[in-house]
Full PDB file with SEQRES, HELIX, SHEET, SSBOND, CRYST1, ORIGX, SCALE, CONECT and MASTER records, all heavy atoms in Angstrom:
SEQRES   1 A   33  ALA LEU ARG LEU MET ASP GLN HIS GLY LEU LYS LEU VAL          
SEQRES   2 A   33  LEU LEU ARG GLU ASN VAL GLU PRO PRO VAL TYR ARG LEU          
SEQRES   3 A   33  MET THR GLY GLN GLN ILE HIS                                  
HELIX    1 AA1 LEU A    2  HIS A    8  1                                   7    
HELIX    2 AA2 GLY A   29  ILE A   32  1                                   4    
SHEET    1 AA1 2 LYS A  11  ARG A  16  0                                        
SHEET    2 AA1 2 VAL A  23  MET A  27 -1                                        
CRYST1    1.000    1.000    1.000  90.00  90.00  90.00 P 1           1          
ORIGX1      1.000000  0.000000  0.000000        0.00000                         
ORIGX2      0.000000  1.000000  0.000000        0.00000                         
ORIGX3      0.000000  0.000000  1.000000        0.00000                         
SCALE1      1.000000  0.000000  0.000000        0.00000                         
SCALE2      0.000000  1.000000  0.000000        0.00000                         
SCALE3      0.000000  0.000000  1.000000        0.00000                         
ATOM      1  N   ALA A   1      44.006 -86.479   1.379  1.00  0.00           N  
ATOM      2  CA  ALA A   1      45.135 -87.403   1.240  1.00  0.00           C  
ATOM      3  C   ALA A   1      45.520 -87.990   2.601  1.00  0.00           C  
ATOM      4  O   ALA A   1      45.801 -89.185   2.712  1.00  0.00           O  
ATOM      5  CB  ALA A   1      46.322 -86.689   0.616  1.00  0.00           C  
ATOM      6  N   LEU A   2      45.528 -87.162   3.632  1.00  0.00           N  
ATOM      7  CA  LEU A   2      45.849 -87.653   4.977  1.00  0.00           C  
ATOM      8  C   LEU A   2      44.784 -88.633   5.473  1.00  0.00           C  
ATOM      9  O   LEU A   2      45.099 -89.635   6.120  1.00  0.00           O  
ATOM     10  CB  LEU A   2      46.005 -86.487   5.945  1.00  0.00           C  
ATOM     11  CG  LEU A   2      47.238 -85.610   5.722  1.00  0.00           C  
ATOM     12  CD1 LEU A   2      47.205 -84.400   6.646  1.00  0.00           C  
ATOM     13  CD2 LEU A   2      48.504 -86.393   5.916  1.00  0.00           C  
ATOM     14  N   ARG A   3      43.528 -88.350   5.181  1.00  0.00           N  
ATOM     15  CA  ARG A   3      42.437 -89.242   5.588  1.00  0.00           C  
ATOM     16  C   ARG A   3      42.604 -90.594   4.887  1.00  0.00           C  
ATOM     17  O   ARG A   3      42.454 -91.651   5.516  1.00  0.00           O  
ATOM     18  CB  ARG A   3      41.093 -88.609   5.226  1.00  0.00           C  
ATOM     19  CG  ARG A   3      39.925 -89.239   5.938  1.00  0.00           C  
ATOM     20  CD  ARG A   3      38.611 -88.506   5.726  1.00  0.00           C  
ATOM     21  NE  ARG A   3      38.710 -87.068   6.007  1.00  0.00           N  
ATOM     22  CZ  ARG A   3      38.556 -86.109   5.077  1.00  0.00           C  
ATOM     23  NH1 ARG A   3      38.310 -86.421   3.818  1.00  0.00           N  
ATOM     24  NH2 ARG A   3      38.648 -84.834   5.403  1.00  0.00           N  
ATOM     25  N   LEU A   4      42.926 -90.563   3.603  1.00  0.00           N  
ATOM     26  CA  LEU A   4      43.136 -91.787   2.833  1.00  0.00           C  
ATOM     27  C   LEU A   4      44.319 -92.575   3.398  1.00  0.00           C  
ATOM     28  O   LEU A   4      44.274 -93.797   3.522  1.00  0.00           O  
ATOM     29  CB  LEU A   4      43.398 -91.410   1.368  1.00  0.00           C  
ATOM     30  CG  LEU A   4      43.340 -92.508   0.329  1.00  0.00           C  
ATOM     31  CD1 LEU A   4      41.939 -93.105   0.283  1.00  0.00           C  
ATOM     32  CD2 LEU A   4      43.708 -91.949  -1.026  1.00  0.00           C  
ATOM     33  N   MET A   5      45.370 -91.864   3.773  1.00  0.00           N  
ATOM     34  CA  MET A   5      46.557 -92.479   4.353  1.00  0.00           C  
ATOM     35  C   MET A   5      46.193 -93.208   5.655  1.00  0.00           C  
ATOM     36  O   MET A   5      46.612 -94.340   5.883  1.00  0.00           O  
ATOM     37  CB  MET A   5      47.594 -91.385   4.626  1.00  0.00           C  
ATOM     38  CG  MET A   5      48.861 -91.851   5.282  1.00  0.00           C  
ATOM     39  SD  MET A   5      49.998 -90.493   5.616  1.00  0.00           S  
ATOM     40  CE  MET A   5      49.473 -90.016   7.253  1.00  0.00           C  
ATOM     41  N   ASP A   6      45.408 -92.562   6.503  1.00  0.00           N  
ATOM     42  CA  ASP A   6      45.000 -93.170   7.779  1.00  0.00           C  
ATOM     43  C   ASP A   6      44.087 -94.368   7.581  1.00  0.00           C  
ATOM     44  O   ASP A   6      44.201 -95.372   8.292  1.00  0.00           O  
ATOM     45  CB  ASP A   6      44.317 -92.129   8.665  1.00  0.00           C  
ATOM     46  CG  ASP A   6      45.286 -91.074   9.170  1.00  0.00           C  
ATOM     47  OD1 ASP A   6      46.507 -91.353   9.209  1.00  0.00           O  
ATOM     48  OD2 ASP A   6      44.820 -89.967   9.519  1.00  0.00           O  
ATOM     49  N   GLN A   7      43.177 -94.286   6.625  1.00  0.00           N  
ATOM     50  CA  GLN A   7      42.233 -95.384   6.381  1.00  0.00           C  
ATOM     51  C   GLN A   7      42.954 -96.668   5.967  1.00  0.00           C  
ATOM     52  O   GLN A   7      42.600 -97.752   6.407  1.00  0.00           O  
ATOM     53  CB  GLN A   7      41.240 -95.003   5.275  1.00  0.00           C  
ATOM     54  CG  GLN A   7      40.186 -94.032   5.709  1.00  0.00           C  
ATOM     55  CD  GLN A   7      39.327 -93.574   4.527  1.00  0.00           C  
ATOM     56  OE1 GLN A   7      39.599 -93.910   3.375  1.00  0.00           O  
ATOM     57  NE2 GLN A   7      38.293 -92.801   4.825  1.00  0.00           N  
ATOM     58  N   HIS A   8      43.951 -96.529   5.132  1.00  0.00           N  
ATOM     59  CA  HIS A   8      44.642 -97.705   4.608  1.00  0.00           C  
ATOM     60  C   HIS A   8      45.879 -98.087   5.421  1.00  0.00           C  
ATOM     61  O   HIS A   8      46.523 -99.092   5.120  1.00  0.00           O  
ATOM     62  CB  HIS A   8      45.039 -97.471   3.147  1.00  0.00           C  
ATOM     63  CG  HIS A   8      43.851 -97.331   2.237  1.00  0.00           C  
ATOM     64  ND1 HIS A   8      43.044 -98.388   1.893  1.00  0.00           N  
ATOM     65  CD2 HIS A   8      43.330 -96.248   1.615  1.00  0.00           C  
ATOM     66  CE1 HIS A   8      42.081 -97.974   1.103  1.00  0.00           C  
ATOM     67  NE2 HIS A   8      42.237 -96.668   0.905  1.00  0.00           N  
ATOM     68  N   GLY A   9      46.244 -97.286   6.414  1.00  0.00           N  
ATOM     69  CA  GLY A   9      47.414 -97.589   7.236  1.00  0.00           C  
ATOM     70  C   GLY A   9      48.724 -97.480   6.458  1.00  0.00           C  
ATOM     71  O   GLY A   9      49.664 -98.218   6.712  1.00  0.00           O  
ATOM     72  N   LEU A  10      48.769 -96.561   5.508  1.00  0.00           N  
ATOM     73  CA  LEU A  10      49.964 -96.377   4.678  1.00  0.00           C  
ATOM     74  C   LEU A  10      50.623 -95.043   5.005  1.00  0.00           C  
ATOM     75  O   LEU A  10      50.133 -94.292   5.842  1.00  0.00           O  
ATOM     76  CB  LEU A  10      49.571 -96.409   3.189  1.00  0.00           C  
ATOM     77  CG  LEU A  10      48.920 -97.713   2.726  1.00  0.00           C  
ATOM     78  CD1 LEU A  10      48.392 -97.557   1.313  1.00  0.00           C  
ATOM     79  CD2 LEU A  10      49.905 -98.858   2.790  1.00  0.00           C  
ATOM     80  N   LYS A  11      51.731 -94.765   4.327  1.00  0.00           N  
ATOM     81  CA  LYS A  11      52.451 -93.516   4.540  1.00  0.00           C  
ATOM     82  C   LYS A  11      52.536 -92.772   3.225  1.00  0.00           C  
ATOM     83  O   LYS A  11      52.666 -93.374   2.166  1.00  0.00           O  
ATOM     84  CB  LYS A  11      53.864 -93.803   5.072  1.00  0.00           C  
ATOM     85  CG  LYS A  11      53.822 -94.489   6.416  1.00  0.00           C  
ATOM     86  CD  LYS A  11      55.177 -94.917   6.860  1.00  0.00           C  
ATOM     87  CE  LYS A  11      55.019 -95.588   8.217  1.00  0.00           C  
ATOM     88  NZ  LYS A  11      56.187 -96.258   8.661  1.00  0.00           N  
ATOM     89  N   LEU A  12      52.487 -91.441   3.305  1.00  0.00           N  
ATOM     90  CA  LEU A  12      52.628 -90.613   2.112  1.00  0.00           C  
ATOM     91  C   LEU A  12      54.087 -90.295   1.888  1.00  0.00           C  
ATOM     92  O   LEU A  12      54.786 -89.888   2.810  1.00  0.00           O  
ATOM     93  CB  LEU A  12      51.858 -89.298   2.280  1.00  0.00           C  
ATOM     94  CG  LEU A  12      50.409 -89.305   1.839  1.00  0.00           C  
ATOM     95  CD1 LEU A  12      49.754 -87.998   2.214  1.00  0.00           C  
ATOM     96  CD2 LEU A  12      50.273 -89.555   0.367  1.00  0.00           C  
ATOM     97  N   VAL A  13      54.547 -90.472   0.657  1.00  0.00           N  
ATOM     98  CA  VAL A  13      55.945 -90.224   0.315  1.00  0.00           C  
ATOM     99  C   VAL A  13      55.986 -89.275  -0.880  1.00  0.00           C  
ATOM    100  O   VAL A  13      55.291 -89.490  -1.875  1.00  0.00           O  
ATOM    101  CB  VAL A  13      56.665 -91.548  -0.035  1.00  0.00           C  
ATOM    102  CG1 VAL A  13      58.082 -91.297  -0.473  1.00  0.00           C  
ATOM    103  CG2 VAL A  13      56.633 -92.492   1.152  1.00  0.00           C  
ATOM    104  N   LEU A  14      56.803 -88.239  -0.774  1.00  0.00           N  
ATOM    105  CA  LEU A  14      56.971 -87.280  -1.859  1.00  0.00           C  
ATOM    106  C   LEU A  14      57.836 -87.893  -2.944  1.00  0.00           C  
ATOM    107  O   LEU A  14      58.958 -88.313  -2.687  1.00  0.00           O  
ATOM    108  CB  LEU A  14      57.628 -85.998  -1.326  1.00  0.00           C  
ATOM    109  CG  LEU A  14      57.951 -84.918  -2.335  1.00  0.00           C  
ATOM    110  CD1 LEU A  14      56.676 -84.353  -2.948  1.00  0.00           C  
ATOM    111  CD2 LEU A  14      58.737 -83.806  -1.666  1.00  0.00           C  
ATOM    112  N   LEU A  15      57.303 -87.955  -4.166  1.00  0.00           N  
ATOM    113  CA  LEU A  15      58.077 -88.487  -5.285  1.00  0.00           C  
ATOM    114  C   LEU A  15      58.699 -87.361  -6.103  1.00  0.00           C  
ATOM    115  O   LEU A  15      59.882 -87.380  -6.390  1.00  0.00           O  
ATOM    116  CB  LEU A  15      57.201 -89.342  -6.199  1.00  0.00           C  
ATOM    117  CG  LEU A  15      56.693 -90.653  -5.632  1.00  0.00           C  
ATOM    118  CD1 LEU A  15      55.918 -91.416  -6.691  1.00  0.00           C  
ATOM    119  CD2 LEU A  15      57.828 -91.506  -5.118  1.00  0.00           C  
ATOM    120  N   ARG A  16      57.877 -86.388  -6.496  1.00  0.00           N  
ATOM    121  CA  ARG A  16      58.370 -85.259  -7.303  1.00  0.00           C  
ATOM    122  C   ARG A  16      57.722 -83.982  -6.802  1.00  0.00           C  
ATOM    123  O   ARG A  16      56.505 -83.889  -6.745  1.00  0.00           O  
ATOM    124  CB  ARG A  16      58.020 -85.456  -8.776  1.00  0.00           C  
ATOM    125  CG  ARG A  16      58.884 -86.489  -9.458  1.00  0.00           C  
ATOM    126  CD  ARG A  16      58.480 -86.665 -10.889  1.00  0.00           C  
ATOM    127  NE  ARG A  16      57.265 -87.503 -10.869  1.00  0.00           N  
ATOM    128  CZ  ARG A  16      56.386 -87.586 -11.853  1.00  0.00           C  
ATOM    129  NH1 ARG A  16      56.546 -86.899 -12.940  1.00  0.00           N  
ATOM    130  NH2 ARG A  16      55.340 -88.367 -11.759  1.00  0.00           N  
ATOM    131  N   GLU A  17      58.554 -82.997  -6.469  1.00  0.00           N  
ATOM    132  CA  GLU A  17      57.991 -81.733  -6.007  1.00  0.00           C  
ATOM    133  C   GLU A  17      58.175 -80.613  -7.014  1.00  0.00           C  
ATOM    134  O   GLU A  17      57.680 -79.530  -6.827  1.00  0.00           O  
ATOM    135  CB  GLU A  17      58.578 -81.321  -4.653  1.00  0.00           C  
ATOM    136  CG  GLU A  17      60.040 -81.005  -4.656  1.00  0.00           C  
ATOM    137  CD  GLU A  17      60.523 -80.576  -3.284  1.00  0.00           C  
ATOM    138  OE1 GLU A  17      59.702 -80.089  -2.491  1.00  0.00           O  
ATOM    139  OE2 GLU A  17      61.720 -80.735  -3.028  1.00  0.00           O  
ATOM    140  N   ASN A  18      58.863 -80.886  -8.129  1.00  0.00           N  
ATOM    141  CA  ASN A  18      59.117 -79.852  -9.128  1.00  0.00           C  
ATOM    142  C   ASN A  18      57.964 -79.689 -10.105  1.00  0.00           C  
ATOM    143  O   ASN A  18      58.032 -78.864 -10.997  1.00  0.00           O  
ATOM    144  CB  ASN A  18      60.399 -80.170  -9.904  1.00  0.00           C  
ATOM    145  CG  ASN A  18      61.607 -80.215  -9.000  1.00  0.00           C  
ATOM    146  OD1 ASN A  18      61.558 -79.749  -7.873  1.00  0.00           O  
ATOM    147  ND2 ASN A  18      62.680 -80.787  -9.491  1.00  0.00           N  
ATOM    148  N   VAL A  19      56.926 -80.495  -9.977  1.00  0.00           N  
ATOM    149  CA  VAL A  19      55.771 -80.404 -10.871  1.00  0.00           C  
ATOM    150  C   VAL A  19      54.616 -79.763 -10.124  1.00  0.00           C  
ATOM    151  O   VAL A  19      54.623 -79.654  -8.895  1.00  0.00           O  
ATOM    152  CB  VAL A  19      55.369 -81.803 -11.395  1.00  0.00           C  
ATOM    153  CG1 VAL A  19      56.437 -82.373 -12.286  1.00  0.00           C  
ATOM    154  CG2 VAL A  19      55.073 -82.754 -10.264  1.00  0.00           C  
ATOM    155  N   GLU A  20      53.607 -79.343 -10.855  1.00  0.00           N  
ATOM    156  CA  GLU A  20      52.448 -78.700 -10.241  1.00  0.00           C  
ATOM    157  C   GLU A  20      51.228 -79.538 -10.516  1.00  0.00           C  
ATOM    158  O   GLU A  20      50.869 -79.727 -11.666  1.00  0.00           O  
ATOM    159  CB  GLU A  20      52.278 -77.299 -10.849  1.00  0.00           C  
ATOM    160  CG  GLU A  20      51.389 -76.373 -10.069  1.00  0.00           C  
ATOM    161  CD  GLU A  20      51.810 -76.171  -8.623  1.00  0.00           C  
ATOM    162  OE1 GLU A  20      52.998 -75.967  -8.339  1.00  0.00           O  
ATOM    163  OE2 GLU A  20      50.917 -76.240  -7.778  1.00  0.00           O  
ATOM    164  N   PRO A  21      50.526 -80.109  -9.582  1.00  0.00           N  
ATOM    165  CA  PRO A  21      50.827 -80.197  -8.157  1.00  0.00           C  
ATOM    166  C   PRO A  21      51.879 -81.279  -7.888  1.00  0.00           C  
ATOM    167  O   PRO A  21      52.064 -82.167  -8.706  1.00  0.00           O  
ATOM    168  CB  PRO A  21      49.487 -80.583  -7.544  1.00  0.00           C  
ATOM    169  CG  PRO A  21      48.803 -81.364  -8.608  1.00  0.00           C  
ATOM    170  CD  PRO A  21      49.248 -80.744  -9.911  1.00  0.00           C  
ATOM    171  N   PRO A  22      52.551 -81.206  -6.735  1.00  0.00           N  
ATOM    172  CA  PRO A  22      53.573 -82.196  -6.393  1.00  0.00           C  
ATOM    173  C   PRO A  22      52.976 -83.607  -6.299  1.00  0.00           C  
ATOM    174  O   PRO A  22      51.824 -83.763  -5.932  1.00  0.00           O  
ATOM    175  CB  PRO A  22      54.100 -81.744  -5.041  1.00  0.00           C  
ATOM    176  CG  PRO A  22      53.326 -80.564  -4.658  1.00  0.00           C  
ATOM    177  CD  PRO A  22      52.390 -80.191  -5.731  1.00  0.00           C  
ATOM    178  N   VAL A  23      53.790 -84.601  -6.630  1.00  0.00           N  
ATOM    179  CA  VAL A  23      53.319 -85.991  -6.681  1.00  0.00           C  
ATOM    180  C   VAL A  23      53.724 -86.712  -5.399  1.00  0.00           C  
ATOM    181  O   VAL A  23      54.888 -86.731  -5.024  1.00  0.00           O  
ATOM    182  CB  VAL A  23      53.903 -86.718  -7.914  1.00  0.00           C  
ATOM    183  CG1 VAL A  23      53.440 -88.158  -7.957  1.00  0.00           C  
ATOM    184  CG2 VAL A  23      53.524 -85.991  -9.188  1.00  0.00           C  
ATOM    185  N   TYR A  24      52.723 -87.307  -4.742  1.00  0.00           N  
ATOM    186  CA  TYR A  24      52.932 -88.112  -3.536  1.00  0.00           C  
ATOM    187  C   TYR A  24      52.425 -89.509  -3.813  1.00  0.00           C  
ATOM    188  O   TYR A  24      51.509 -89.703  -4.613  1.00  0.00           O  
ATOM    189  CB  TYR A  24      52.150 -87.531  -2.351  1.00  0.00           C  
ATOM    190  CG  TYR A  24      52.801 -86.333  -1.720  1.00  0.00           C  
ATOM    191  CD1 TYR A  24      52.684 -85.074  -2.283  1.00  0.00           C  
ATOM    192  CD2 TYR A  24      53.537 -86.462  -0.552  1.00  0.00           C  
ATOM    193  CE1 TYR A  24      53.279 -83.968  -1.698  1.00  0.00           C  
ATOM    194  CE2 TYR A  24      54.140 -85.358   0.038  1.00  0.00           C  
ATOM    195  CZ  TYR A  24      54.002 -84.120  -0.541  1.00  0.00           C  
ATOM    196  OH  TYR A  24      54.605 -83.032   0.053  1.00  0.00           O  
ATOM    197  N   ARG A  25      53.024 -90.488  -3.138  1.00  0.00           N  
ATOM    198  CA  ARG A  25      52.591 -91.871  -3.304  1.00  0.00           C  
ATOM    199  C   ARG A  25      52.312 -92.486  -1.947  1.00  0.00           C  
ATOM    200  O   ARG A  25      53.050 -92.253  -0.986  1.00  0.00           O  
ATOM    201  CB  ARG A  25      53.669 -92.674  -4.023  1.00  0.00           C  
ATOM    202  CG  ARG A  25      53.234 -94.109  -4.262  1.00  0.00           C  
ATOM    203  CD  ARG A  25      54.182 -94.830  -5.147  1.00  0.00           C  
ATOM    204  NE  ARG A  25      53.682 -96.188  -5.350  1.00  0.00           N  
ATOM    205  CZ  ARG A  25      54.278 -97.088  -6.074  1.00  0.00           C  
ATOM    206  NH1 ARG A  25      55.400 -96.802  -6.686  1.00  0.00           N  
ATOM    207  NH2 ARG A  25      53.766 -98.287  -6.204  1.00  0.00           N  
ATOM    208  N   LEU A  26      51.276 -93.296  -1.880  1.00  0.00           N  
ATOM    209  CA  LEU A  26      50.955 -94.056  -0.675  1.00  0.00           C  
ATOM    210  C   LEU A  26      51.802 -95.323  -0.696  1.00  0.00           C  
ATOM    211  O   LEU A  26      51.767 -96.070  -1.670  1.00  0.00           O  
ATOM    212  CB  LEU A  26      49.467 -94.421  -0.654  1.00  0.00           C  
ATOM    213  CG  LEU A  26      48.502 -93.258  -0.447  1.00  0.00           C  
ATOM    214  CD1 LEU A  26      47.087 -93.687  -0.761  1.00  0.00           C  
ATOM    215  CD2 LEU A  26      48.596 -92.741   0.974  1.00  0.00           C  
ATOM    216  N   MET A  27      52.581 -95.545   0.362  1.00  0.00           N  
ATOM    217  CA  MET A  27      53.469 -96.704   0.404  1.00  0.00           C  
ATOM    218  C   MET A  27      53.454 -97.334   1.797  1.00  0.00           C  
ATOM    219  O   MET A  27      53.206 -96.649   2.785  1.00  0.00           O  
ATOM    220  CB  MET A  27      54.911 -96.296   0.085  1.00  0.00           C  
ATOM    221  CG  MET A  27      55.132 -95.725  -1.279  1.00  0.00           C  
ATOM    222  SD  MET A  27      56.833 -95.193  -1.478  1.00  0.00           S  
ATOM    223  CE  MET A  27      57.409 -96.362  -2.660  1.00  0.00           C  
ATOM    224  N   THR A  28      53.798 -98.621   1.839  1.00  0.00           N  
ATOM    225  CA  THR A  28      53.975 -99.294   3.121  1.00  0.00           C  
ATOM    226  C   THR A  28      55.404 -99.034   3.583  1.00  0.00           C  
ATOM    227  O   THR A  28      56.245 -98.591   2.801  1.00  0.00           O  
ATOM    228  CB  THR A  28      53.772-100.817   2.980  1.00  0.00           C  
ATOM    229  OG1 THR A  28      54.770-101.324   2.096  1.00  0.00           O  
ATOM    230  CG2 THR A  28      52.390-101.156   2.468  1.00  0.00           C  
ATOM    231  N   GLY A  29      55.677 -99.326   4.830  1.00  0.00           N  
ATOM    232  CA  GLY A  29      57.027 -99.163   5.360  1.00  0.00           C  
ATOM    233  C   GLY A  29      58.033-100.024   4.613  1.00  0.00           C  
ATOM    234  O   GLY A  29      59.163 -99.618   4.374  1.00  0.00           O  
ATOM    235  N   GLN A  30      57.619-101.223   4.224  1.00  0.00           N  
ATOM    236  CA  GLN A  30      58.499-102.142   3.486  1.00  0.00           C  
ATOM    237  C   GLN A  30      58.853-101.560   2.116  1.00  0.00           C  
ATOM    238  O   GLN A  30      60.002-101.615   1.689  1.00  0.00           O  
ATOM    239  CB  GLN A  30      57.811-103.505   3.324  1.00  0.00           C  
ATOM    240  CG  GLN A  30      58.635-104.530   2.567  1.00  0.00           C  
ATOM    241  CD  GLN A  30      59.903-104.923   3.308  1.00  0.00           C  
ATOM    242  OE1 GLN A  30      59.942-104.929   4.526  1.00  0.00           O  
ATOM    243  NE2 GLN A  30      60.946-105.247   2.569  1.00  0.00           N  
ATOM    244  N   GLN A  31      57.853-100.979   1.433  1.00  0.00           N  
ATOM    245  CA  GLN A  31      58.111-100.382   0.118  1.00  0.00           C  
ATOM    246  C   GLN A  31      59.071 -99.202   0.238  1.00  0.00           C  
ATOM    247  O   GLN A  31      59.949 -99.022  -0.603  1.00  0.00           O  
ATOM    248  CB  GLN A  31      56.804 -99.897  -0.515  1.00  0.00           C  
ATOM    249  CG  GLN A  31      55.917-101.011  -1.016  1.00  0.00           C  
ATOM    250  CD  GLN A  31      54.570-100.480  -1.487  1.00  0.00           C  
ATOM    251  OE1 GLN A  31      54.012 -99.571  -0.884  1.00  0.00           O  
ATOM    252  NE2 GLN A  31      54.076-101.057  -2.560  1.00  0.00           N  
ATOM    253  N   ILE A  32      58.918 -98.410   1.278  1.00  0.00           N  
ATOM    254  CA  ILE A  32      59.797 -97.263   1.501  1.00  0.00           C  
ATOM    255  C   ILE A  32      61.230 -97.748   1.718  1.00  0.00           C  
ATOM    256  O   ILE A  32      62.176 -97.222   1.138  1.00  0.00           O  
ATOM    257  CB  ILE A  32      59.321 -96.417   2.697  1.00  0.00           C  
ATOM    258  CG1 ILE A  32      57.987 -95.748   2.369  1.00  0.00           C  
ATOM    259  CG2 ILE A  32      60.358 -95.363   3.083  1.00  0.00           C  
ATOM    260  CD1 ILE A  32      57.325 -95.065   3.553  1.00  0.00           C  
ATOM    261  N   HIS A  33      61.380 -98.792   2.532  1.00  0.00           N  
ATOM    262  CA  HIS A  33      62.704 -99.342   2.814  1.00  0.00           C  
ATOM    263  C   HIS A  33      63.364 -99.862   1.536  1.00  0.00           C  
ATOM    264  O   HIS A  33      64.542 -99.603   1.284  1.00  0.00           O  
ATOM    265  CB  HIS A  33      62.587-100.455   3.856  1.00  0.00           C  
ATOM    266  CG  HIS A  33      63.887-101.083   4.216  1.00  0.00           C  
ATOM    267  ND1 HIS A  33      64.864-100.414   4.909  1.00  0.00           N  
ATOM    268  CD2 HIS A  33      64.385-102.316   3.951  1.00  0.00           C  
ATOM    269  CE1 HIS A  33      65.908-101.211   5.067  1.00  0.00           C  
ATOM    270  NE2 HIS A  33      65.642-102.368   4.496  1.00  0.00           N  
TER     271      HIS A  33                                                      
MASTER        0    0    0    2    2    0    0    6  270    1    0    3          
END                                                                             
């Protein structure tokens, strides 16, 4: 996941941690804002 994040120049954001496995999304800084 970190390698994918670096390749695309995006950031990983935790969406849901109460599920197994936790859900993360690749987002741009603008999307996060």
